[in-house]
Amino acid sequence: MDSLKKALENKNFKLILTNKDFELLKPYLNGFKVEFDDSLIGGFILEDENRIRIDHSLKALMEDKKEKIGQILFLIFRWWDYG
């Protein structure tokens, strides 16, 4: 965790995001290394030079919550069929 904190303080990392998100955030990203990945559907990935990676992409967040999302969708579709 200390190495991540140091990387963030020194801006010693790269931010991976879509071109569209970059255009929205450009004023706040001065001095940061940026890499584009338009296969992302939203969110971002933060990676330092030691390959410490924080994946906060929409896909990763959905994968993390897929069971809960499935339960909610099941209830919605069940309600839709009987509502």
PDB file of N, CA and C in Angstrom:
ATOM      1  N   MET A   1       0.819  -1.186   0.000  1.00  0.00           N
ATOM      2  CA  MET A   1       0.000   0.000   0.000  1.00  0.00           C
ATOM      3  C   MET A   1       0.868   1.257   0.000  1.00  0.00           C
ATOM      4  N   ASP A   2       2.022   1.196   0.649  1.00  0.00           N
ATOM      5  CA  ASP A   2       2.918   2.360   0.668  1.00  0.00           C
ATOM      6  C   ASP A   2       3.424   2.701  -0.730  1.00  0.00           C
ATOM      7  N   SER A   3       3.709   1.655  -1.524  1.00  0.00           N
ATOM      8  CA  SER A   3       4.215   1.919  -2.875  1.00  0.00           C
ATOM      9  C   SER A   3       3.139   2.566  -3.741  1.00  0.00           C
ATOM     10  N   LEU A   4       1.892   2.180  -3.531  1.00  0.00           N
ATOM     11  CA  LEU A   4       0.796   2.796  -4.275  1.00  0.00           C
ATOM     12  C   LEU A   4       0.628   4.255  -3.873  1.00  0.00           C
ATOM     13  N   LYS A   5       0.690   4.512  -2.573  1.00  0.00           N
ATOM     14  CA  LYS A   5       0.569   5.885  -2.076  1.00  0.00           C
ATOM     15  C   LYS A   5       1.691   6.746  -2.660  1.00  0.00           C
ATOM     16  N   LYS A   6       2.907   6.209  -2.681  1.00  0.00           N
ATOM     17  CA  LYS A   6       4.050   6.932  -3.228  1.00  0.00           C
ATOM     18  C   LYS A   6       3.851   7.205  -4.721  1.00  0.00           C
ATOM     19  N   ALA A   7       3.351   6.215  -5.441  1.00  0.00           N
ATOM     20  CA  ALA A   7       3.110   6.387  -6.874  1.00  0.00           C
ATOM     21  C   ALA A   7       2.084   7.479  -7.124  1.00  0.00           C
ATOM     22  N   LEU A   8       1.044   7.518  -6.320  1.00  0.00           N
ATOM     23  CA  LEU A   8       0.007   8.531  -6.488  1.00  0.00           C
ATOM     24  C   LEU A   8       0.534   9.921  -6.164  1.00  0.00           C
ATOM     25  N   GLU A   9       1.309  10.017  -5.111  1.00  0.00           N
ATOM     26  CA  GLU A   9       1.865  11.318  -4.719  1.00  0.00           C
ATOM     27  C   GLU A   9       2.824  11.862  -5.765  1.00  0.00           C
ATOM     28  N   ASN A  10       3.597  10.978  -6.362  1.00  0.00           N
ATOM     29  CA  ASN A  10       4.588  11.393  -7.351  1.00  0.00           C
ATOM     30  C   ASN A  10       4.044  11.389  -8.777  1.00  0.00           C
ATOM     31  N   LYS A  11       2.785  11.092  -8.929  1.00  0.00           N
ATOM     32  CA  LYS A  11       2.168  10.954 -10.252  1.00  0.00           C
ATOM     33  C   LYS A  11       2.980   9.965 -11.083  1.00  0.00           C
ATOM     34  N   ASN A  12       3.445   8.929 -10.434  1.00  0.00           N
ATOM     35  CA  ASN A  12       4.296   7.929 -11.061  1.00  0.00           C
ATOM     36  C   ASN A  12       3.459   6.741 -11.513  1.00  0.00           C
ATOM     37  N   PHE A  13       2.397   7.016 -12.232  1.00  0.00           N
ATOM     38  CA  PHE A  13       1.502   5.973 -12.694  1.00  0.00           C
ATOM     39  C   PHE A  13       0.866   6.438 -13.988  1.00  0.00           C
ATOM     40  N   LYS A  14       0.177   5.521 -14.631  1.00  0.00           N
ATOM     41  CA  LYS A  14      -0.581   5.918 -15.820  1.00  0.00           C
ATOM     42  C   LYS A  14      -2.057   5.643 -15.570  1.00  0.00           C
ATOM     43  N   LEU A  15      -2.857   6.439 -16.183  1.00  0.00           N
ATOM     44  CA  LEU A  15      -4.296   6.341 -16.092  1.00  0.00           C
ATOM     45  C   LEU A  15      -4.791   5.846 -17.438  1.00  0.00           C
ATOM     46  N   ILE A  16      -5.534   4.756 -17.431  1.00  0.00           N
ATOM     47  CA  ILE A  16      -6.052   4.180 -18.665  1.00  0.00           C
ATOM     48  C   ILE A  16      -7.555   4.442 -18.702  1.00  0.00           C
ATOM     49  N   LEU A  17      -8.000   5.090 -19.762  1.00  0.00           N
ATOM     50  CA  LEU A  17      -9.411   5.416 -19.897  1.00  0.00           C
ATOM     51  C   LEU A  17      -9.754   5.607 -21.367  1.00  0.00           C
ATOM     52  N   THR A  18     -11.022   5.845 -21.656  1.00  0.00           N
ATOM     53  CA  THR A  18     -11.440   6.037 -23.039  1.00  0.00           C
ATOM     54  C   THR A  18     -11.127   7.464 -23.489  1.00  0.00           C
ATOM     55  N   ASN A  19     -11.053   7.652 -24.785  1.00  0.00           N
ATOM     56  CA  ASN A  19     -10.852   8.996 -25.341  1.00  0.00           C
ATOM     57  C   ASN A  19     -11.970   9.929 -24.906  1.00  0.00           C
ATOM     58  N   LYS A  20     -13.191   9.417 -24.903  1.00  0.00           N
ATOM     59  CA  LYS A  20     -14.352  10.229 -24.523  1.00  0.00           C
ATOM     60  C   LYS A  20     -14.238  10.700 -23.074  1.00  0.00           C
ATOM     61  N   ASP A  21     -13.874   9.781 -22.163  1.00  0.00           N
ATOM     62  CA  ASP A  21     -13.712  10.157 -20.759  1.00  0.00           C
ATOM     63  C   ASP A  21     -12.551  11.136 -20.585  1.00  0.00           C
ATOM     64  N   PHE A  22     -11.484  10.941 -21.380  1.00  0.00           N
ATOM     65  CA  PHE A  22     -10.349  11.849 -21.306  1.00  0.00           C
ATOM     66  C   PHE A  22     -10.769  13.271 -21.659  1.00  0.00           C
ATOM     67  N   GLU A  23     -11.563  13.413 -22.701  1.00  0.00           N
ATOM     68  CA  GLU A  23     -12.012  14.749 -23.104  1.00  0.00           C
ATOM     69  C   GLU A  23     -12.802  15.422 -21.987  1.00  0.00           C
ATOM     70  N   LEU A  24     -13.591  14.645 -21.236  1.00  0.00           N
ATOM     71  CA  LEU A  24     -14.349  15.202 -20.118  1.00  0.00           C
ATOM     72  C   LEU A  24     -13.456  15.592 -18.944  1.00  0.00           C
ATOM     73  N   LEU A  25     -12.389  14.814 -18.730  1.00  0.00           N
ATOM     74  CA  LEU A  25     -11.541  14.994 -17.548  1.00  0.00           C
ATOM     75  C   LEU A  25     -10.237  15.737 -17.822  1.00  0.00           C
ATOM     76  N   LYS A  26     -10.006  16.090 -19.052  1.00  0.00           N
ATOM     77  CA  LYS A  26      -8.733  16.696 -19.459  1.00  0.00           C
ATOM     78  C   LYS A  26      -8.262  17.833 -18.540  1.00  0.00           C
ATOM     79  N   PRO A  27      -9.130  18.736 -18.109  1.00  0.00           N
ATOM     80  CA  PRO A  27      -8.655  19.831 -17.244  1.00  0.00           C
ATOM     81  C   PRO A  27      -8.071  19.357 -15.905  1.00  0.00           C
ATOM     82  N   TYR A  28      -8.419  18.157 -15.476  1.00  0.00           N
ATOM     83  CA  TYR A  28      -7.978  17.654 -14.172  1.00  0.00           C
ATOM     84  C   TYR A  28      -6.781  16.711 -14.265  1.00  0.00           C
ATOM     85  N   LEU A  29      -6.323  16.424 -15.470  1.00  0.00           N
ATOM     86  CA  LEU A  29      -5.295  15.397 -15.648  1.00  0.00           C
ATOM     87  C   LEU A  29      -3.928  15.963 -16.015  1.00  0.00           C
ATOM     88  N   ASN A  30      -3.676  17.212 -15.718  1.00  0.00           N
ATOM     89  CA  ASN A  30      -2.381  17.806 -16.033  1.00  0.00           C
ATOM     90  C   ASN A  30      -1.255  17.061 -15.334  1.00  0.00           C
ATOM     91  N   GLY A  31      -0.261  16.669 -16.100  1.00  0.00           N
ATOM     92  CA  GLY A  31       0.920  16.024 -15.544  1.00  0.00           C
ATOM     93  C   GLY A  31       0.803  14.515 -15.402  1.00  0.00           C
ATOM     94  N   PHE A  32      -0.345  13.964 -15.697  1.00  0.00           N
ATOM     95  CA  PHE A  32      -0.508  12.520 -15.575  1.00  0.00           C
ATOM     96  C   PHE A  32      -0.245  11.837 -16.907  1.00  0.00           C
ATOM     97  N   LYS A  33       0.376  10.657 -16.846  1.00  0.00           N
ATOM     98  CA  LYS A  33       0.525   9.839 -18.043  1.00  0.00           C
ATOM     99  C   LYS A  33      -0.832   9.216 -18.322  1.00  0.00           C
ATOM    100  N   VAL A  34      -1.277   9.302 -19.563  1.00  0.00           N
ATOM    101  CA  VAL A  34      -2.589   8.790 -19.931  1.00  0.00           C
ATOM    102  C   VAL A  34      -2.433   7.822 -21.093  1.00  0.00           C
ATOM    103  N   GLU A  35      -3.164   6.734 -21.022  1.00  0.00           N
ATOM    104  CA  GLU A  35      -3.208   5.756 -22.101  1.00  0.00           C
ATOM    105  C   GLU A  35      -4.682   5.528 -22.421  1.00  0.00           C
ATOM    106  N   PHE A  36      -4.975   5.351 -23.688  1.00  0.00           N
ATOM    107  CA  PHE A  36      -6.363   5.187 -24.100  1.00  0.00           C
ATOM    108  C   PHE A  36      -6.693   3.735 -24.401  1.00  0.00           C
ATOM    109  N   ASP A  37      -7.862   3.327 -23.986  1.00  0.00           N
ATOM    110  CA  ASP A  37      -8.368   1.986 -24.276  1.00  0.00           C
ATOM    111  C   ASP A  37      -9.869   2.120 -24.515  1.00  0.00           C
ATOM    112  N   ASP A  38     -10.238   2.213 -25.779  1.00  0.00           N
ATOM    113  CA  ASP A  38     -11.649   2.396 -26.104  1.00  0.00           C
ATOM    114  C   ASP A  38     -12.450   1.099 -26.016  1.00  0.00           C
ATOM    115  N   SER A  39     -11.807   0.019 -25.589  1.00  0.00           N
ATOM    116  CA  SER A  39     -12.579  -1.193 -25.315  1.00  0.00           C
ATOM    117  C   SER A  39     -13.244  -1.114 -23.941  1.00  0.00           C
ATOM    118  N   LEU A  40     -12.797  -0.162 -23.110  1.00  0.00           N
ATOM    119  CA  LEU A  40     -13.460   0.065 -21.822  1.00  0.00           C
ATOM    120  C   LEU A  40     -14.838   0.664 -22.088  1.00  0.00           C
ATOM    121  N   ILE A  41     -15.810   0.297 -21.265  1.00  0.00           N
ATOM    122  CA  ILE A  41     -17.148   0.874 -21.424  1.00  0.00           C
ATOM    123  C   ILE A  41     -17.401   1.970 -20.401  1.00  0.00           C
ATOM    124  N   GLY A  42     -16.386   2.298 -19.650  1.00  0.00           N
ATOM    125  CA  GLY A  42     -16.472   3.360 -18.660  1.00  0.00           C
ATOM    126  C   GLY A  42     -15.541   3.055 -17.500  1.00  0.00           C
ATOM    127  N   GLY A  43     -15.329   4.052 -16.662  1.00  0.00           N
ATOM    128  CA  GLY A  43     -14.434   3.899 -15.529  1.00  0.00           C
ATOM    129  C   GLY A  43     -12.990   4.107 -15.944  1.00  0.00           C
ATOM    130  N   PHE A  44     -12.079   3.582 -15.145  1.00  0.00           N
ATOM    131  CA  PHE A  44     -10.661   3.781 -15.425  1.00  0.00           C
ATOM    132  C   PHE A  44      -9.848   2.653 -14.812  1.00  0.00           C
ATOM    133  N   ILE A  45      -8.604   2.573 -15.259  1.00  0.00           N
ATOM    134  CA  ILE A  45      -7.617   1.647 -14.691  1.00  0.00           C
ATOM    135  C   ILE A  45      -6.410   2.498 -14.339  1.00  0.00           C
ATOM    136  N   LEU A  46      -5.890   2.286 -13.152  1.00  0.00           N
ATOM    137  CA  LEU A  46      -4.711   3.002 -12.678  1.00  0.00           C
ATOM    138  C   LEU A  46      -3.597   1.975 -12.531  1.00  0.00           C
ATOM    139  N   GLU A  47      -2.435   2.269 -13.121  1.00  0.00           N
ATOM    140  CA  GLU A  47      -1.344   1.302 -13.110  1.00  0.00           C
ATOM    141  C   GLU A  47      -0.024   2.031 -12.886  1.00  0.00           C
ATOM    142  N   ASP A  48       0.794   1.503 -11.965  1.00  0.00           N
ATOM    143  CA  ASP A  48       2.106   2.126 -11.759  1.00  0.00           C
ATOM    144  C   ASP A  48       3.167   1.343 -12.523  1.00  0.00           C
ATOM    145  N   GLU A  49       4.398   1.840 -12.477  1.00  0.00           N
ATOM    146  CA  GLU A  49       5.469   1.221 -13.260  1.00  0.00           C
ATOM    147  C   GLU A  49       5.853  -0.166 -12.749  1.00  0.00           C
ATOM    148  N   ASN A  50       5.458  -0.519 -11.528  1.00  0.00           N
ATOM    149  CA  ASN A  50       5.708  -1.859 -10.989  1.00  0.00           C
ATOM    150  C   ASN A  50       4.553  -2.799 -11.278  1.00  0.00           C
ATOM    151  N   ARG A  51       3.647  -2.348 -12.109  1.00  0.00           N
ATOM    152  CA  ARG A  51       2.482  -3.127 -12.554  1.00  0.00           C
ATOM    153  C   ARG A  51       1.449  -3.334 -11.458  1.00  0.00           C
ATOM    154  N   ILE A  52       1.466  -2.490 -10.437  1.00  0.00           N
ATOM    155  CA  ILE A  52       0.357  -2.479  -9.486  1.00  0.00           C
ATOM    156  C   ILE A  52      -0.814  -1.896 -10.237  1.00  0.00           C
ATOM    157  N   ARG A  53      -1.937  -2.589 -10.201  1.00  0.00           N
ATOM    158  CA  ARG A  53      -3.065  -2.221 -11.061  1.00  0.00           C
ATOM    159  C   ARG A  53      -4.343  -2.121 -10.246  1.00  0.00           C
ATOM    160  N   ILE A  54      -5.013  -0.996 -10.375  1.00  0.00           N
ATOM    161  CA  ILE A  54      -6.324  -0.810  -9.758  1.00  0.00           C
ATOM    162  C   ILE A  54      -7.317  -0.697 -10.899  1.00  0.00           C
ATOM    163  N   ASP A  55      -8.163  -1.697 -11.024  1.00  0.00           N
ATOM    164  CA  ASP A  55      -9.132  -1.740 -12.114  1.00  0.00           C
ATOM    165  C   ASP A  55     -10.476  -1.254 -11.593  1.00  0.00           C
ATOM    166  N   HIS A  56     -10.789  -0.033 -11.938  1.00  0.00           N
ATOM    167  CA  HIS A  56     -12.054   0.575 -11.520  1.00  0.00           C
ATOM    168  C   HIS A  56     -12.919   0.823 -12.762  1.00  0.00           C
ATOM    169  N   SER A  57     -12.764  -0.102 -13.729  1.00  0.00           N
ATOM    170  CA  SER A  57     -13.558   0.006 -14.948  1.00  0.00           C
ATOM    171  C   SER A  57     -14.969  -0.493 -14.664  1.00  0.00           C
ATOM    172  N   LEU A  58     -15.898  -0.059 -15.476  1.00  0.00           N
ATOM    173  CA  LEU A  58     -17.280  -0.464 -15.304  1.00  0.00           C
ATOM    174  C   LEU A  58     -17.410  -1.986 -15.413  1.00  0.00           C
ATOM    175  N   LYS A  59     -16.665  -2.576 -16.333  1.00  0.00           N
ATOM    176  CA  LYS A  59     -16.698  -4.035 -16.497  1.00  0.00           C
ATOM    177  C   LYS A  59     -16.250  -4.743 -15.218  1.00  0.00           C
ATOM    178  N   ALA A  60     -15.168  -4.267 -14.606  1.00  0.00           N
ATOM    179  CA  ALA A  60     -14.668  -4.887 -13.374  1.00  0.00           C
ATOM    180  C   ALA A  60     -15.657  -4.705 -12.227  1.00  0.00           C
ATOM    181  N   LEU A  61     -16.257  -3.518 -12.140  1.00  0.00           N
ATOM    182  CA  LEU A  61     -17.239  -3.276 -11.077  1.00  0.00           C
ATOM    183  C   LEU A  61     -18.463  -4.172 -11.244  1.00  0.00           C
ATOM    184  N   MET A  62     -18.891  -4.342 -12.496  1.00  0.00           N
ATOM    185  CA  MET A  62     -20.045  -5.211 -12.754  1.00  0.00           C
ATOM    186  C   MET A  62     -19.699  -6.678 -12.453  1.00  0.00           C
ATOM    187  N   GLU A  63     -18.501  -7.079 -12.819  1.00  0.00           N
ATOM    188  CA  GLU A  63     -18.063  -8.454 -12.543  1.00  0.00           C
ATOM    189  C   GLU A  63     -18.042  -8.710 -11.040  1.00  0.00           C
ATOM    190  N   ASP A  64     -17.579  -7.728 -10.289  1.00  0.00           N
ATOM    191  CA  ASP A  64     -17.515  -7.845  -8.836  1.00  0.00           C
ATOM    192  C   ASP A  64     -18.906  -7.986  -8.215  1.00  0.00           C
ATOM    193  N   LYS A  65     -19.891  -7.368  -8.829  1.00  0.00           N
ATOM    194  CA  LYS A  65     -21.256  -7.371  -8.285  1.00  0.00           C
ATOM    195  C   LYS A  65     -22.222  -8.221  -9.100  1.00  0.00           C
ATOM    196  N   LYS A  66     -21.703  -9.142  -9.921  1.00  0.00           N
ATOM    197  CA  LYS A  66     -22.565  -9.864 -10.850  1.00  0.00           C
ATOM    198  C   LYS A  66     -23.650 -10.681 -10.155  1.00  0.00           C
ATOM    199  N   GLU A  67     -23.372 -11.245  -8.999  1.00  0.00           N
ATOM    200  CA  GLU A  67     -24.388 -12.024  -8.298  1.00  0.00           C
ATOM    201  C   GLU A  67     -25.552 -11.121  -7.869  1.00  0.00           C
ATOM    202  N   LYS A  68     -25.232  -9.968  -7.308  1.00  0.00           N
ATOM    203  CA  LYS A  68     -26.268  -9.035  -6.867  1.00  0.00           C
ATOM    204  C   LYS A  68     -27.051  -8.491  -8.065  1.00  0.00           C
ATOM    205  N   ILE A  69     -26.355  -8.180  -9.142  1.00  0.00           N
ATOM    206  CA  ILE A  69     -27.018  -7.706 -10.355  1.00  0.00           C
ATOM    207  C   ILE A  69     -27.963  -8.778 -10.886  1.00  0.00           C
ATOM    208  N   GLY A  70     -27.524 -10.025 -10.878  1.00  0.00           N
ATOM    209  CA  GLY A  70     -28.367 -11.136 -11.326  1.00  0.00           C
ATOM    210  C   GLY A  70     -29.621 -11.274 -10.487  1.00  0.00           C
ATOM    211  N   GLN A  71     -29.485 -11.140  -9.177  1.00  0.00           N
ATOM    212  CA  GLN A  71     -30.657 -11.231  -8.295  1.00  0.00           C
ATOM    213  C   GLN A  71     -31.649 -10.110  -8.588  1.00  0.00           C
ATOM    214  N   ILE A  72     -31.141  -8.918  -8.780  1.00  0.00           N
ATOM    215  CA  ILE A  72     -32.017  -7.775  -9.058  1.00  0.00           C
ATOM    216  C   ILE A  72     -32.722  -7.964 -10.402  1.00  0.00           C
ATOM    217  N   LEU A  73     -31.979  -8.392 -11.421  1.00  0.00           N
ATOM    218  CA  LEU A  73     -32.593  -8.620 -12.728  1.00  0.00           C
ATOM    219  C   LEU A  73     -33.640  -9.718 -12.661  1.00  0.00           C
ATOM    220  N   PHE A  74     -33.371 -10.778 -11.902  1.00  0.00           N
ATOM    221  CA  PHE A  74     -34.341 -11.854 -11.738  1.00  0.00           C
ATOM    222  C   PHE A  74     -35.645 -11.306 -11.155  1.00  0.00           C
ATOM    223  N   LEU A  75     -35.544 -10.479 -10.124  1.00  0.00           N
ATOM    224  CA  LEU A  75     -36.741  -9.890  -9.508  1.00  0.00           C
ATOM    225  C   LEU A  75     -37.481  -8.973 -10.482  1.00  0.00           C
ATOM    226  N   ILE A  76     -36.744  -8.196 -11.245  1.00  0.00           N
ATOM    227  CA  ILE A  76     -37.372  -7.301 -12.220  1.00  0.00           C
ATOM    228  C   ILE A  76     -38.120  -8.106 -13.282  1.00  0.00           C
ATOM    229  N   PHE A  77     -37.476  -9.128 -13.835  1.00  0.00           N
ATOM    230  CA  PHE A  77     -38.122  -9.917 -14.878  1.00  0.00           C
ATOM    231  C   PHE A  77     -39.305 -10.718 -14.333  1.00  0.00           C
ATOM    232  N   ARG A  78     -39.161 -11.183 -13.124  1.00  0.00           N
ATOM    233  CA  ARG A  78     -40.273 -11.898 -12.487  1.00  0.00           C
ATOM    234  C   ARG A  78     -41.466 -10.955 -12.313  1.00  0.00           C
ATOM    235  N   TRP A  79     -41.210  -9.750 -11.837  1.00  0.00           N
ATOM    236  CA  TRP A  79     -42.257  -8.754 -11.668  1.00  0.00           C
ATOM    237  C   TRP A  79     -42.880  -8.410 -13.021  1.00  0.00           C
ATOM    238  N   TRP A  80     -42.018  -8.278 -14.054  1.00  0.00           N
ATOM    239  CA  TRP A  80     -42.485  -7.917 -15.387  1.00  0.00           C
ATOM    240  C   TRP A  80     -43.441  -8.980 -15.915  1.00  0.00           C
ATOM    241  N   ASP A  81     -43.115 -10.273 -15.696  1.00  0.00           N
ATOM    242  CA  ASP A  81     -43.967 -11.355 -16.168  1.00  0.00           C
ATOM    243  C   ASP A  81     -45.324 -11.403 -15.459  1.00  0.00           C
ATOM    244  N   TYR A  82     -45.342 -11.055 -14.183  1.00  0.00           N
ATOM    245  CA  TYR A  82     -46.571 -11.189 -13.384  1.00  0.00           C
ATOM    246  C   TYR A  82     -47.232  -9.847 -13.088  1.00  0.00           C
ATOM    247  N   GLY A  83     -46.564  -8.741 -13.400  1.00  0.00           N
ATOM    248  CA  GLY A  83     -47.049  -7.417 -13.037  1.00  0.00           C
ATOM    249  C   GLY A  83     -48.175  -6.975 -13.899  1.00  0.00           C
TER     250      GLY A  83
END
